[in-house]
Amino acid sequence: MTRNKKYFNKLLENDMQFDIEMGDDGKYWVKGTGTVRFERESGNPLYLKDVLYVLGLKKKLISISTLEDKGYEVTFR
């Protein structure tokens, strides 16, 4: 999830009628979903779908378990 529109290749803005509750007990409203493109060291871009557009976030967040659930292999070096 991210608050910055510039990261989206495609964005469908709509009020999703739900919020995200974070560890600081803050609630942030989801305002849309879309596709985000990441550049990788291999040179092949990675496109992530269903990324949430969330107003008020201070950082971009990614869920490793969600990526793995979608079939991605996650490696840390």
Protein backbone atom coordinates (compact mmCIF):
# COMPACT_ATOMS: atom_id res chain seq x y z
CA MET A 1 0.00 0.00 0.00
CA THR A 2 1.08 3.55 -0.68
CA ARG A 3 -0.29 7.07 -0.45
CA ASN A 4 1.53 8.35 -3.51
CA LYS A 5 -0.32 8.28 -6.83
CA LYS A 6 2.90 8.57 -8.85
CA TYR A 7 3.82 4.94 -8.11
CA PHE A 8 0.73 3.58 -9.88
CA ASN A 9 0.78 2.56 -13.54
CA LYS A 10 -2.97 2.04 -13.28
CA LEU A 11 -5.19 3.34 -10.50
CA LEU A 12 -8.91 3.01 -9.98
CA GLU A 13 -9.86 5.65 -7.44
CA ASN A 14 -13.00 4.94 -5.49
CA ASP A 15 -13.97 4.98 -1.86
CA MET A 16 -13.55 1.36 -0.83
CA GLN A 17 -15.66 1.87 2.31
CA PHE A 18 -13.06 0.34 4.62
CA ASP A 19 -10.01 1.49 6.49
CA ILE A 20 -6.64 0.07 7.46
CA GLU A 21 -5.72 0.06 11.15
CA MET A 22 -1.99 0.33 11.79
CA GLY A 23 0.22 -0.48 14.77
CA ASP A 24 0.00 3.10 16.01
CA ASP A 25 -3.80 2.67 16.29
CA GLY A 26 -4.22 5.09 13.40
CA LYS A 27 -6.94 4.42 10.83
CA TYR A 28 -6.30 5.17 7.19
CA TRP A 29 -8.98 5.14 4.49
CA VAL A 30 -8.49 3.10 1.35
CA LYS A 31 -9.24 5.31 -1.66
CA GLY A 32 -8.55 2.91 -4.50
CA THR A 33 -6.54 0.04 -5.93
CA GLY A 34 -4.15 -0.32 -8.80
CA THR A 35 -0.98 -1.70 -10.32
CA VAL A 36 2.50 -0.59 -9.26
CA ARG A 37 5.69 -1.18 -11.25
CA PHE A 38 8.98 -1.96 -9.49
CA GLU A 39 12.38 -1.93 -11.15
CA ARG A 40 14.49 -4.98 -10.30
CA GLU A 41 18.23 -5.61 -10.47
CA SER A 42 17.61 -8.19 -13.19
CA GLY A 43 16.24 -5.45 -15.42
CA ASN A 44 12.82 -7.07 -15.74
CA PRO A 45 10.16 -4.93 -14.06
CA LEU A 46 7.82 -6.46 -11.50
CA TYR A 47 4.16 -5.47 -11.64
CA LEU A 48 2.15 -5.83 -8.44
CA LYS A 49 -1.62 -5.81 -8.79
CA ASP A 50 -4.24 -4.93 -6.19
CA VAL A 51 -1.99 -2.41 -4.44
CA LEU A 52 -4.03 -0.21 -2.09
CA TYR A 53 -4.06 3.57 -2.46
CA VAL A 54 -4.28 4.73 1.17
CA LEU A 55 -4.33 8.37 2.19
CA GLY A 56 -2.26 9.45 5.19
CA LEU A 57 0.38 6.71 5.18
CA LYS A 58 3.88 7.90 6.01
CA LYS A 59 5.66 4.94 4.37
CA LYS A 60 5.08 2.48 1.54
CA LEU A 61 4.19 -0.93 2.95
CA ILE A 62 4.36 -4.39 1.46
CA SER A 63 3.20 -7.67 2.98
CA ILE A 64 5.62 -10.53 2.43
CA SER A 65 2.99 -13.14 3.35
CA THR A 66 0.56 -11.65 0.80
CA LEU A 67 3.22 -11.85 -1.91
CA GLU A 68 3.88 -15.49 -1.06
CA ASP A 69 0.14 -16.23 -1.05
CA LYS A 70 0.02 -14.87 -4.60
CA GLY A 71 2.81 -17.22 -5.72
CA TYR A 72 5.83 -14.91 -5.49
CA GLU A 73 9.11 -16.19 -4.08
CA VAL A 74 10.64 -13.68 -1.68
CA THR A 75 14.38 -13.75 -1.02
CA PHE A 76 16.34 -11.47 1.30
CA ARG A 77 20.05 -10.91 0.76
